Amino acid sequence: MSQSIAAPPGGSQAPISEGARWMQIVVGIVCMVAAANIQYAWTLFVPEIQATHGWTRASIQTAFTVFVVVQTWLTPIEGYFIDRYGPRVIVAFGGVMTGLSWIIDSYAGSLGMLYVGSAIGGIGVGCVYATCVNSAIKWFPDKRGLAVGLTAGGYGAGSALTILPIANMIHSSGYQAAFFWFGLLQGTIILIAAFFLRAPQKD
């Protein structure tokens, strides 16, 4: 049966349909899937980077540590900007930064540049992850656990769709090409999906 939730007091928009709420979850999941590979596909690139540049595995893996630290510790700041500017702007920014991260990695000729790419990726994925989870909670105050679980699950399962294509491109064209083209693709998907996101309080 179709349901709706009322607009907030003082709001100007009509009651929100159940379908519109679920559409926000679907869009959020798409964003999470597109952002997931920066984390989950990383191990595919490490041996190729090491073979190309001769850097130690530990120094290459430091880039992943940089990514995790930036993604995690900037969350409170991202939360502030989500409330101030809304999910559309923050996820669009996250999409640009997510794509830019891998494009930088594709050109990285030094560990410093690789670390910069990872830091930018941490900002991008942090924006996407924090915003989509935040949005799920706001759209489903009555089903928070389900909404957040589905959204976060999109991030965890995102790599399943692209691990093999990324691995194949690394094998056939080199890791730099895989970084570049998948960075461009994933960033573009997030950027496009961002324009369908909105907060329940206002457009």
N, C-alpha and C. Protein backbone atom coordinates (compact mmCIF):
# COMPACT_ATOMS: atom_id res chain seq x y z
N MET A 1 0.84 -1.19 0.00
CA MET A 1 0.00 0.00 0.00
C MET A 1 0.88 1.24 0.00
N SER A 2 0.53 2.24 -0.82
CA SER A 2 1.32 3.45 -0.91
C SER A 2 1.21 4.25 0.37
N GLN A 3 2.32 4.77 0.81
CA GLN A 3 2.35 5.57 2.02
C GLN A 3 3.05 6.87 1.73
N SER A 4 2.94 7.79 2.65
CA SER A 4 3.66 9.05 2.51
C SER A 4 4.00 9.57 3.88
N ILE A 5 4.96 10.46 3.93
CA ILE A 5 5.27 11.14 5.17
C ILE A 5 5.06 12.62 4.96
N ALA A 6 4.60 13.28 5.97
CA ALA A 6 4.27 14.69 5.85
C ALA A 6 5.52 15.53 5.75
N ALA A 7 5.39 16.66 5.10
CA ALA A 7 6.49 17.61 5.07
C ALA A 7 6.69 18.19 6.46
N PRO A 8 7.89 18.63 6.78
CA PRO A 8 8.15 19.18 8.10
C PRO A 8 7.37 20.45 8.34
N PRO A 9 7.07 20.81 9.61
CA PRO A 9 6.33 22.03 9.89
C PRO A 9 6.98 23.24 9.24
N GLY A 10 6.17 24.06 8.62
CA GLY A 10 6.71 25.26 7.97
C GLY A 10 7.27 24.99 6.59
N GLY A 11 7.32 23.71 6.17
CA GLY A 11 7.86 23.38 4.85
C GLY A 11 6.87 23.74 3.77
N SER A 12 7.38 23.92 2.57
CA SER A 12 6.51 24.35 1.47
C SER A 12 6.19 23.22 0.52
N GLN A 13 6.82 22.04 0.68
CA GLN A 13 6.61 20.98 -0.29
C GLN A 13 5.46 20.07 0.13
N ALA A 14 4.96 19.31 -0.86
CA ALA A 14 3.85 18.41 -0.63
C ALA A 14 4.33 17.19 0.14
N PRO A 15 3.39 16.39 0.71
CA PRO A 15 3.80 15.15 1.38
C PRO A 15 4.65 14.28 0.46
N ILE A 16 5.59 13.60 1.05
CA ILE A 16 6.57 12.82 0.30
C ILE A 16 6.09 11.39 0.15
N SER A 17 6.08 10.86 -1.06
CA SER A 17 5.61 9.51 -1.29
C SER A 17 6.64 8.48 -0.85
N GLU A 18 6.16 7.27 -0.60
CA GLU A 18 7.07 6.18 -0.23
C GLU A 18 8.04 5.88 -1.35
N GLY A 19 7.57 5.99 -2.59
CA GLY A 19 8.44 5.75 -3.74
C GLY A 19 9.58 6.74 -3.82
N ALA A 20 9.29 8.00 -3.49
CA ALA A 20 10.34 9.03 -3.52
C ALA A 20 11.39 8.76 -2.47
N ARG A 21 10.96 8.28 -1.31
CA ARG A 21 11.93 7.95 -0.26
C ARG A 21 12.84 6.82 -0.71
N TRP A 22 12.27 5.78 -1.29
CA TRP A 22 13.08 4.64 -1.71
C TRP A 22 14.00 5.01 -2.87
N MET A 23 13.56 5.95 -3.69
CA MET A 23 14.43 6.39 -4.78
C MET A 23 15.71 7.03 -4.23
N GLN A 24 15.59 7.75 -3.13
CA GLN A 24 16.77 8.35 -2.52
C GLN A 24 17.73 7.27 -2.01
N ILE A 25 17.18 6.18 -1.49
CA ILE A 25 18.02 5.06 -1.05
C ILE A 25 18.74 4.43 -2.25
N VAL A 26 18.02 4.23 -3.34
CA VAL A 26 18.61 3.63 -4.54
C VAL A 26 19.74 4.50 -5.08
N VAL A 27 19.51 5.80 -5.14
CA VAL A 27 20.54 6.71 -5.64
C VAL A 27 21.75 6.69 -4.71
N GLY A 28 21.49 6.66 -3.41
CA GLY A 28 22.58 6.58 -2.45
C GLY A 28 23.40 5.32 -2.62
N ILE A 29 22.74 4.21 -2.87
CA ILE A 29 23.45 2.94 -3.08
C ILE A 29 24.31 3.01 -4.34
N VAL A 30 23.79 3.61 -5.40
CA VAL A 30 24.57 3.78 -6.63
C VAL A 30 25.85 4.56 -6.34
N CYS A 31 25.72 5.63 -5.58
CA CYS A 31 26.90 6.44 -5.22
C CYS A 31 27.90 5.61 -4.42
N MET A 32 27.40 4.83 -3.49
CA MET A 32 28.28 4.02 -2.64
C MET A 32 28.99 2.94 -3.46
N VAL A 33 28.28 2.31 -4.37
CA VAL A 33 28.89 1.30 -5.23
C VAL A 33 30.03 1.92 -6.05
N ALA A 34 29.77 3.11 -6.60
CA ALA A 34 30.78 3.76 -7.44
C ALA A 34 32.00 4.22 -6.64
N ALA A 35 31.81 4.48 -5.35
CA ALA A 35 32.92 4.96 -4.52
C ALA A 35 33.73 3.83 -3.90
N ALA A 36 33.21 2.62 -3.92
CA ALA A 36 33.78 1.53 -3.13
C ALA A 36 35.16 1.08 -3.60
N ASN A 37 35.44 1.19 -4.88
CA ASN A 37 36.66 0.58 -5.41
C ASN A 37 37.94 1.24 -4.93
N ILE A 38 37.87 2.49 -4.52
CA ILE A 38 39.09 3.12 -4.00
C ILE A 38 39.62 2.31 -2.82
N GLN A 39 38.70 1.74 -2.05
CA GLN A 39 39.13 0.91 -0.92
C GLN A 39 39.31 -0.55 -1.30
N TYR A 40 38.31 -1.13 -1.94
CA TYR A 40 38.29 -2.58 -2.11
C TYR A 40 39.09 -3.10 -3.29
N ALA A 41 39.40 -2.25 -4.26
CA ALA A 41 40.20 -2.70 -5.40
C ALA A 41 41.67 -2.34 -5.25
N TRP A 42 42.03 -1.70 -4.15
CA TRP A 42 43.39 -1.21 -3.97
C TRP A 42 44.43 -2.32 -4.10
N THR A 43 44.15 -3.48 -3.52
CA THR A 43 45.14 -4.56 -3.53
C THR A 43 45.48 -5.03 -4.93
N LEU A 44 44.61 -4.79 -5.90
CA LEU A 44 44.91 -5.17 -7.28
C LEU A 44 46.05 -4.33 -7.86
N PHE A 45 46.17 -3.11 -7.37
CA PHE A 45 47.14 -2.17 -7.93
C PHE A 45 48.51 -2.27 -7.28
N VAL A 46 48.55 -2.69 -6.03
CA VAL A 46 49.81 -2.64 -5.27
C VAL A 46 50.94 -3.41 -5.95
N PRO A 47 50.76 -4.66 -6.38
CA PRO A 47 51.88 -5.38 -7.03
C PRO A 47 52.35 -4.70 -8.31
N GLU A 48 51.42 -4.12 -9.06
CA GLU A 48 51.79 -3.46 -10.31
C GLU A 48 52.56 -2.17 -10.05
N ILE A 49 52.13 -1.42 -9.04
CA ILE A 49 52.86 -0.20 -8.68
C ILE A 49 54.28 -0.55 -8.23
N GLN A 50 54.39 -1.60 -7.43
CA GLN A 50 55.69 -2.03 -6.94
C GLN A 50 56.60 -2.47 -8.09
N ALA A 51 56.05 -3.24 -9.01
CA ALA A 51 56.86 -3.72 -10.14
C ALA A 51 57.31 -2.58 -11.05
N THR A 52 56.46 -1.56 -11.18
CA THR A 52 56.78 -0.44 -12.07
C THR A 52 57.82 0.50 -11.47
N HIS A 53 57.67 0.81 -10.19
CA HIS A 53 58.50 1.85 -9.58
C HIS A 53 59.57 1.31 -8.63
N GLY A 54 59.43 0.07 -8.21
CA GLY A 54 60.40 -0.50 -7.29
C GLY A 54 60.27 -0.01 -5.86
N TRP A 55 59.15 0.64 -5.53
CA TRP A 55 58.92 1.08 -4.16
C TRP A 55 58.61 -0.12 -3.28
N THR A 56 58.90 -0.02 -2.00
CA THR A 56 58.57 -1.13 -1.11
C THR A 56 57.07 -1.23 -0.94
N ARG A 57 56.62 -2.42 -0.64
CA ARG A 57 55.18 -2.64 -0.43
C ARG A 57 54.67 -1.81 0.75
N ALA A 58 55.50 -1.69 1.79
CA ALA A 58 55.08 -0.92 2.97
C ALA A 58 54.87 0.55 2.61
N SER A 59 55.75 1.10 1.79
CA SER A 59 55.62 2.51 1.43
C SER A 59 54.40 2.72 0.52
N ILE A 60 54.09 1.75 -0.32
CA ILE A 60 52.90 1.86 -1.16
C ILE A 60 51.65 1.75 -0.31
N GLN A 61 51.65 0.84 0.65
CA GLN A 61 50.49 0.66 1.51
C GLN A 61 50.26 1.85 2.43
N THR A 62 51.27 2.67 2.63
CA THR A 62 51.07 3.90 3.40
C THR A 62 50.02 4.79 2.75
N ALA A 63 49.93 4.72 1.41
CA ALA A 63 48.91 5.48 0.70
C ALA A 63 47.51 5.06 1.14
N PHE A 64 47.33 3.77 1.37
CA PHE A 64 46.03 3.29 1.83
C PHE A 64 45.74 3.78 3.25
N THR A 65 46.77 3.82 4.08
CA THR A 65 46.61 4.35 5.43
C THR A 65 46.19 5.81 5.39
N VAL A 66 46.83 6.58 4.52
CA VAL A 66 46.45 7.99 4.35
C VAL A 66 44.98 8.11 3.97
N PHE A 67 44.55 7.27 3.02
CA PHE A 67 43.16 7.27 2.59
C PHE A 67 42.20 7.02 3.75
N VAL A 68 42.48 5.99 4.54
CA VAL A 68 41.60 5.61 5.64
C VAL A 68 41.54 6.70 6.71
N VAL A 69 42.70 7.26 7.05
CA VAL A 69 42.75 8.30 8.08
C VAL A 69 41.96 9.53 7.65
N VAL A 70 42.17 9.97 6.41
CA VAL A 70 41.46 11.15 5.91
C VAL A 70 39.96 10.88 5.83
N GLN A 71 39.58 9.74 5.29
CA GLN A 71 38.16 9.40 5.17
C GLN A 71 37.49 9.39 6.54
N THR A 72 38.16 8.84 7.54
CA THR A 72 37.56 8.68 8.86
C THR A 72 37.48 9.98 9.64
N TRP A 73 38.60 10.67 9.71
CA TRP A 73 38.69 11.81 10.63
C TRP A 73 38.08 13.09 10.10
N LEU A 74 37.78 13.17 8.82
CA LEU A 74 37.11 14.36 8.30
C LEU A 74 35.59 14.25 8.35
N THR A 75 35.07 13.13 8.82
CA THR A 75 33.62 12.91 8.85
C THR A 75 32.86 14.00 9.60
N PRO A 76 33.31 14.43 10.79
CA PRO A 76 32.56 15.50 11.47
C PRO A 76 32.47 16.79 10.66
N ILE A 77 33.56 17.14 9.97
CA ILE A 77 33.55 18.34 9.14
C ILE A 77 32.59 18.16 7.97
N GLU A 78 32.63 16.99 7.36
CA GLU A 78 31.71 16.70 6.25
C GLU A 78 30.27 16.77 6.71
N GLY A 79 30.00 16.28 7.94
CA GLY A 79 28.65 16.36 8.48
C GLY A 79 28.16 17.80 8.58
N TYR A 80 29.04 18.70 8.98
CA TYR A 80 28.68 20.12 9.06
C TYR A 80 28.28 20.65 7.68
N PHE A 81 29.07 20.32 6.68
CA PHE A 81 28.78 20.82 5.33
C PHE A 81 27.54 20.16 4.73
N ILE A 82 27.25 18.93 5.10
CA ILE A 82 26.02 18.28 4.64
C ILE A 82 24.81 19.07 5.11
N ASP A 83 24.81 19.42 6.40
CA ASP A 83 23.68 20.18 6.95
C ASP A 83 23.60 21.57 6.36
N ARG A 84 24.74 22.13 6.00
CA ARG A 84 24.75 23.51 5.49
C ARG A 84 24.37 23.59 4.01
N TYR A 85 24.88 22.65 3.20
CA TYR A 85 24.71 22.75 1.76
C TYR A 85 23.82 21.67 1.15
N GLY A 86 23.51 20.64 1.91
CA GLY A 86 22.64 19.58 1.41
C GLY A 86 23.40 18.45 0.73
N PRO A 87 22.75 17.30 0.54
CA PRO A 87 23.43 16.12 0.01
C PRO A 87 23.89 16.25 -1.43
N ARG A 88 23.15 16.99 -2.23
CA ARG A 88 23.48 17.08 -3.66
C ARG A 88 24.86 17.69 -3.87
N VAL A 89 25.12 18.80 -3.22
CA VAL A 89 26.39 19.51 -3.39
C VAL A 89 27.55 18.68 -2.84
N ILE A 90 27.35 18.09 -1.67
CA ILE A 90 28.46 17.37 -1.03
C ILE A 90 28.80 16.09 -1.79
N VAL A 91 27.80 15.36 -2.26
CA VAL A 91 28.08 14.14 -3.03
C VAL A 91 28.68 14.49 -4.39
N ALA A 92 28.22 15.56 -5.01
CA ALA A 92 28.82 15.98 -6.28
C ALA A 92 30.29 16.32 -6.09
N PHE A 93 30.59 17.05 -5.02
CA PHE A 93 31.99 17.35 -4.69
C PHE A 93 32.76 16.05 -4.43
N GLY A 94 32.14 15.13 -3.69
CA GLY A 94 32.77 13.85 -3.43
C GLY A 94 33.05 13.06 -4.70
N GLY A 95 32.14 13.14 -5.66
CA GLY A 95 32.35 12.45 -6.92
C GLY A 95 33.54 13.00 -7.68
N VAL A 96 33.67 14.32 -7.70
CA VAL A 96 34.82 14.95 -8.37
C VAL A 96 36.12 14.52 -7.70
N MET A 97 36.13 14.56 -6.38
CA MET A 97 37.34 14.21 -5.64
C MET A 97 37.67 12.72 -5.77
N THR A 98 36.65 11.87 -5.78
CA THR A 98 36.86 10.43 -5.94
C THR A 98 37.49 10.12 -7.29
N GLY A 99 36.94 10.70 -8.35
CA GLY A 99 37.50 10.48 -9.67
C GLY A 99 38.89 11.07 -9.81
N LEU A 100 39.07 12.28 -9.26
CA LEU A 100 40.37 12.94 -9.35
C LEU A 100 41.45 12.13 -8.65
N SER A 101 41.09 11.48 -7.56
CA SER A 101 42.05 10.67 -6.80
C SER A 101 42.72 9.62 -7.68
N TRP A 102 41.91 8.85 -8.38
CA TRP A 102 42.48 7.78 -9.22
C TRP A 102 43.19 8.34 -10.44
N ILE A 103 42.72 9.46 -10.95
CA ILE A 103 43.41 10.08 -12.09
C ILE A 103 44.80 10.55 -11.65
N ILE A 104 44.90 11.13 -10.47
CA ILE A 104 46.21 11.50 -9.93
C ILE A 104 47.08 10.26 -9.75
N ASP A 105 46.49 9.20 -9.21
CA ASP A 105 47.25 7.95 -9.03
C ASP A 105 47.78 7.42 -10.36
N SER A 106 47.02 7.63 -11.43
CA SER A 106 47.45 7.11 -12.73
C SER A 106 48.71 7.81 -13.23
N TYR A 107 48.94 9.04 -12.77
CA TYR A 107 50.12 9.80 -13.19
C TYR A 107 51.21 9.83 -12.12
N ALA A 108 50.94 9.24 -10.96
CA ALA A 108 51.87 9.36 -9.83
C ALA A 108 53.22 8.73 -10.16
N GLY A 109 54.26 9.56 -10.18
CA GLY A 109 55.61 9.08 -10.41
C GLY A 109 56.46 9.12 -9.16
N SER A 110 55.82 9.49 -8.05
CA SER A 110 56.51 9.53 -6.76
C SER A 110 55.55 9.11 -5.67
N LEU A 111 56.11 8.67 -4.56
CA LEU A 111 55.26 8.28 -3.44
C LEU A 111 54.46 9.48 -2.91
N GLY A 112 55.07 10.65 -2.93
CA GLY A 112 54.37 11.84 -2.46
C GLY A 112 53.11 12.10 -3.25
N MET A 113 53.20 11.94 -4.58
CA MET A 113 52.03 12.16 -5.42
C MET A 113 50.98 11.08 -5.17
N LEU A 114 51.44 9.86 -4.92
CA LEU A 114 50.50 8.78 -4.61
C LEU A 114 49.76 9.08 -3.31
N TYR A 115 50.46 9.62 -2.34
CA TYR A 115 49.84 9.96 -1.06
C TYR A 115 48.85 11.11 -1.22
N VAL A 116 49.18 12.07 -2.06
CA VAL A 116 48.24 13.17 -2.33
C VAL A 116 46.96 12.62 -2.95
N GLY A 117 47.11 11.72 -3.92
CA GLY A 117 45.93 11.10 -4.53
C GLY A 117 45.09 10.36 -3.50
N SER A 118 45.74 9.69 -2.58
CA SER A 118 45.01 8.95 -1.54
C SER A 118 44.28 9.89 -0.60
N ALA A 119 44.91 11.00 -0.24
CA ALA A 119 44.25 11.98 0.63
C ALA A 119 43.01 12.56 -0.05
N ILE A 120 43.14 12.88 -1.33
CA ILE A 120 41.99 13.40 -2.08
C ILE A 120 40.90 12.35 -2.16
N GLY A 121 41.29 11.09 -2.35
CA GLY A 121 40.31 10.01 -2.37
C GLY A 121 39.61 9.86 -1.04
N GLY A 122 40.34 10.04 0.06
CA GLY A 122 39.73 9.97 1.38
C GLY A 122 38.67 11.05 1.56
N ILE A 123 38.97 12.25 1.07
CA ILE A 123 37.98 13.33 1.13
C ILE A 123 36.75 12.97 0.30
N GLY A 124 36.99 12.49 -0.93
CA GLY A 124 35.89 12.18 -1.83
C GLY A 124 34.99 11.08 -1.31
N VAL A 125 35.58 9.96 -0.93
CA VAL A 125 34.79 8.83 -0.45
C VAL A 125 34.13 9.17 0.87
N GLY A 126 34.83 9.94 1.72
CA GLY A 126 34.22 10.36 2.98
C GLY A 126 32.97 11.18 2.75
N CYS A 127 33.03 12.09 1.78
CA CYS A 127 31.85 12.91 1.45
C CYS A 127 30.69 12.04 0.97
N VAL A 128 30.99 11.09 0.11
CA VAL A 128 29.95 10.22 -0.43
C VAL A 128 29.36 9.34 0.67
N TYR A 129 30.22 8.69 1.42
CA TYR A 129 29.77 7.74 2.45
C TYR A 129 28.97 8.46 3.54
N ALA A 130 29.53 9.52 4.09
CA ALA A 130 28.86 10.22 5.18
C ALA A 130 27.53 10.81 4.73
N THR A 131 27.49 11.36 3.52
CA THR A 131 26.26 11.98 3.03
C THR A 131 25.17 10.96 2.77
N CYS A 132 25.52 9.86 2.14
CA CYS A 132 24.51 8.86 1.80
C CYS A 132 23.93 8.20 3.04
N VAL A 133 24.76 7.93 4.03
CA VAL A 133 24.26 7.37 5.28
C VAL A 133 23.40 8.40 6.01
N ASN A 134 23.87 9.63 6.05
CA ASN A 134 23.12 10.71 6.68
C ASN A 134 21.76 10.90 6.01
N SER A 135 21.75 10.85 4.69
CA SER A 135 20.52 11.01 3.93
C SER A 135 19.54 9.86 4.20
N ALA A 136 20.07 8.65 4.29
CA ALA A 136 19.22 7.49 4.57
C ALA A 136 18.51 7.64 5.91
N ILE A 137 19.22 8.13 6.89
CA ILE A 137 18.63 8.33 8.22
C ILE A 137 17.54 9.38 8.17
N LYS A 138 17.79 10.47 7.45
CA LYS A 138 16.82 11.56 7.39
C LYS A 138 15.56 11.17 6.61
N TRP A 139 15.74 10.37 5.55
CA TRP A 139 14.58 9.97 4.75
C TRP A 139 13.78 8.86 5.43
N PHE A 140 14.43 8.06 6.26
CA PHE A 140 13.75 6.94 6.90
C PHE A 140 13.90 6.97 8.42
N PRO A 141 13.35 8.00 9.07
CA PRO A 141 13.43 8.04 10.53
C PRO A 141 12.67 6.89 11.18
N ASP A 142 11.75 6.29 10.41
CA ASP A 142 10.95 5.18 10.92
C ASP A 142 11.59 3.81 10.64
N LYS A 143 12.60 3.78 9.76
CA LYS A 143 13.27 2.52 9.39
C LYS A 143 14.77 2.77 9.26
N ARG A 144 15.35 3.37 10.26
CA ARG A 144 16.75 3.78 10.17
C ARG A 144 17.70 2.62 9.95
N GLY A 145 17.50 1.54 10.70
CA GLY A 145 18.40 0.40 10.58
C GLY A 145 18.40 -0.19 9.19
N LEU A 146 17.22 -0.36 8.61
CA LEU A 146 17.10 -0.92 7.26
C LEU A 146 17.73 0.02 6.24
N ALA A 147 17.42 1.32 6.34
CA ALA A 147 17.92 2.28 5.36
C ALA A 147 19.44 2.38 5.39
N VAL A 148 19.99 2.47 6.60
CA VAL A 148 21.44 2.57 6.73
C VAL A 148 22.10 1.27 6.32
N GLY A 149 21.50 0.14 6.67
CA GLY A 149 22.06 -1.15 6.30
C GLY A 149 22.13 -1.33 4.79
N LEU A 150 21.08 -0.96 4.09
CA LEU A 150 21.08 -1.07 2.63
C LEU A 150 22.12 -0.14 2.01
N THR A 151 22.19 1.08 2.52
CA THR A 151 23.13 2.05 1.97
C THR A 151 24.58 1.63 2.21
N ALA A 152 24.89 1.27 3.44
CA ALA A 152 26.25 0.83 3.75
C ALA A 152 26.59 -0.46 3.02
N GLY A 153 25.59 -1.32 2.83
CA GLY A 153 25.80 -2.55 2.08
C GLY A 153 26.22 -2.29 0.64
N GLY A 154 25.73 -1.21 0.07
CA GLY A 154 26.13 -0.84 -1.28
C GLY A 154 27.62 -0.57 -1.37
N TYR A 155 28.17 0.03 -0.34
CA TYR A 155 29.61 0.30 -0.31
C TYR A 155 30.39 -1.01 -0.17
N GLY A 156 29.91 -1.88 0.70
CA GLY A 156 30.60 -3.15 0.91
C GLY A 156 30.56 -4.06 -0.29
N ALA A 157 29.45 -4.01 -1.03
CA ALA A 157 29.28 -4.92 -2.17
C ALA A 157 29.66 -4.29 -3.50
N GLY A 158 30.02 -3.01 -3.47
CA GLY A 158 30.25 -2.29 -4.72
C GLY A 158 31.32 -2.88 -5.59
N SER A 159 32.36 -3.38 -4.97
CA SER A 159 33.48 -3.88 -5.76
C SER A 159 33.15 -5.16 -6.52
N ALA A 160 32.10 -5.86 -6.13
CA ALA A 160 31.76 -7.13 -6.78
C ALA A 160 31.50 -6.95 -8.27
N LEU A 161 30.98 -5.78 -8.65
CA LEU A 161 30.64 -5.54 -10.05
C LEU A 161 31.85 -5.19 -10.90
N THR A 162 32.92 -4.72 -10.27
CA THR A 162 34.00 -4.14 -11.06
C THR A 162 35.38 -4.74 -10.81
N ILE A 163 35.53 -5.63 -9.85
CA ILE A 163 36.84 -6.21 -9.58
C ILE A 163 37.41 -6.89 -10.82
N LEU A 164 36.60 -7.72 -11.48
CA LEU A 164 37.10 -8.42 -12.66
C LEU A 164 37.42 -7.47 -13.82
N PRO A 165 36.53 -6.50 -14.14
CA PRO A 165 36.90 -5.55 -15.20
C PRO A 165 38.17 -4.76 -14.89
N ILE A 166 38.34 -4.34 -13.63
CA ILE A 166 39.55 -3.62 -13.27
C ILE A 166 40.77 -4.51 -13.41
N ALA A 167 40.66 -5.73 -12.91
CA ALA A 167 41.79 -6.67 -13.02
C ALA A 167 42.14 -6.94 -14.47
N ASN A 168 41.13 -7.08 -15.32
CA ASN A 168 41.38 -7.33 -16.74
C ASN A 168 42.05 -6.14 -17.41
N MET A 169 41.64 -4.91 -17.05
CA MET A 169 42.26 -3.74 -17.65
C MET A 169 43.69 -3.57 -17.17
N ILE A 170 43.93 -3.87 -15.90
CA ILE A 170 45.31 -3.82 -15.40
C ILE A 170 46.19 -4.78 -16.19
N HIS A 171 45.66 -5.98 -16.44
CA HIS A 171 46.42 -6.99 -17.16
C HIS A 171 46.65 -6.60 -18.62
N SER A 172 45.62 -6.02 -19.25
CA SER A 172 45.71 -5.75 -20.69
C SER A 172 46.32 -4.39 -21.02
N SER A 173 46.07 -3.39 -20.17
CA SER A 173 46.47 -2.03 -20.50
C SER A 173 47.38 -1.36 -19.49
N GLY A 174 47.60 -2.02 -18.36
CA GLY A 174 48.44 -1.44 -17.32
C GLY A 174 47.63 -0.79 -16.22
N TYR A 175 48.23 -0.70 -15.06
CA TYR A 175 47.49 -0.17 -13.91
C TYR A 175 47.17 1.31 -14.07
N GLN A 176 48.04 2.06 -14.80
CA GLN A 176 47.78 3.49 -14.98
C GLN A 176 46.48 3.72 -15.74
N ALA A 177 46.26 2.92 -16.80
CA ALA A 177 45.03 3.06 -17.57
C ALA A 177 43.81 2.69 -16.73
N ALA A 178 43.94 1.65 -15.91
CA ALA A 178 42.83 1.26 -15.04
C ALA A 178 42.50 2.36 -14.04
N PHE A 179 43.53 2.93 -13.43
CA PHE A 179 43.31 4.06 -12.53
C PHE A 179 42.58 5.18 -13.24
N PHE A 180 43.06 5.55 -14.42
CA PHE A 180 42.52 6.71 -15.12
C PHE A 180 41.07 6.50 -15.54
N TRP A 181 40.82 5.42 -16.27
CA TRP A 181 39.49 5.25 -16.86
C TRP A 181 38.44 4.88 -15.83
N PHE A 182 38.79 4.06 -14.85
CA PHE A 182 37.81 3.75 -13.81
C PHE A 182 37.61 4.93 -12.86
N GLY A 183 38.66 5.72 -12.65
CA GLY A 183 38.48 6.95 -11.87
C GLY A 183 37.51 7.89 -12.56
N LEU A 184 37.70 8.06 -13.86
CA LEU A 184 36.82 8.93 -14.64
C LEU A 184 35.39 8.39 -14.63
N LEU A 185 35.24 7.07 -14.81
CA LEU A 185 33.92 6.47 -14.86
C LEU A 185 33.21 6.57 -13.52
N GLN A 186 33.89 6.19 -12.46
CA GLN A 186 33.26 6.18 -11.14
C GLN A 186 32.94 7.59 -10.66
N GLY A 187 33.85 8.53 -10.91
CA GLY A 187 33.59 9.91 -10.54
C GLY A 187 32.39 10.48 -11.28
N THR A 188 32.27 10.15 -12.57
CA THR A 188 31.16 10.64 -13.38
C THR A 188 29.83 10.06 -12.90
N ILE A 189 29.82 8.77 -12.56
CA ILE A 189 28.59 8.14 -12.06
C ILE A 189 28.12 8.82 -10.78
N ILE A 190 29.04 9.06 -9.87
CA ILE A 190 28.68 9.72 -8.61
C ILE A 190 28.17 11.13 -8.88
N LEU A 191 28.86 11.85 -9.75
CA LEU A 191 28.48 13.22 -10.07
C LEU A 191 27.07 13.29 -10.66
N ILE A 192 26.76 12.38 -11.57
CA ILE A 192 25.42 12.36 -12.17
C ILE A 192 24.38 11.97 -11.13
N ALA A 193 24.66 10.93 -10.35
CA ALA A 193 23.70 10.48 -9.34
C ALA A 193 23.43 11.56 -8.31
N ALA A 194 24.43 12.39 -8.01
CA ALA A 194 24.27 13.43 -6.99
C ALA A 194 23.12 14.37 -7.31
N PHE A 195 22.86 14.61 -8.58
CA PHE A 195 21.82 15.56 -8.96
C PHE A 195 20.41 15.03 -8.67
N PHE A 196 20.28 13.75 -8.33
CA PHE A 196 18.99 13.18 -7.97
C PHE A 196 18.79 13.15 -6.45
N LEU A 197 19.80 13.54 -5.71
CA LEU A 197 19.70 13.53 -4.26
C LEU A 197 19.11 14.84 -3.75
N ARG A 198 18.34 14.74 -2.69
CA ARG A 198 17.86 15.93 -2.00
C ARG A 198 17.52 15.58 -0.57
N ALA A 199 17.47 16.57 0.26
CA ALA A 199 17.08 16.38 1.65
C ALA A 199 15.56 16.38 1.74
N PRO A 200 14.96 15.67 2.69
CA PRO A 200 13.50 15.64 2.81
C PRO A 200 12.91 16.97 3.23
N GLN A 201 13.71 17.82 3.90
CA GLN A 201 13.18 19.09 4.40
C GLN A 201 12.97 20.11 3.29
N LYS A 202 13.91 20.11 2.32
CA LYS A 202 13.82 21.10 1.27
C LYS A 202 14.59 20.60 0.07
N ASP A 203 14.30 21.14 -1.09
CA ASP A 203 15.01 20.77 -2.32
C ASP A 203 16.33 21.47 -2.40
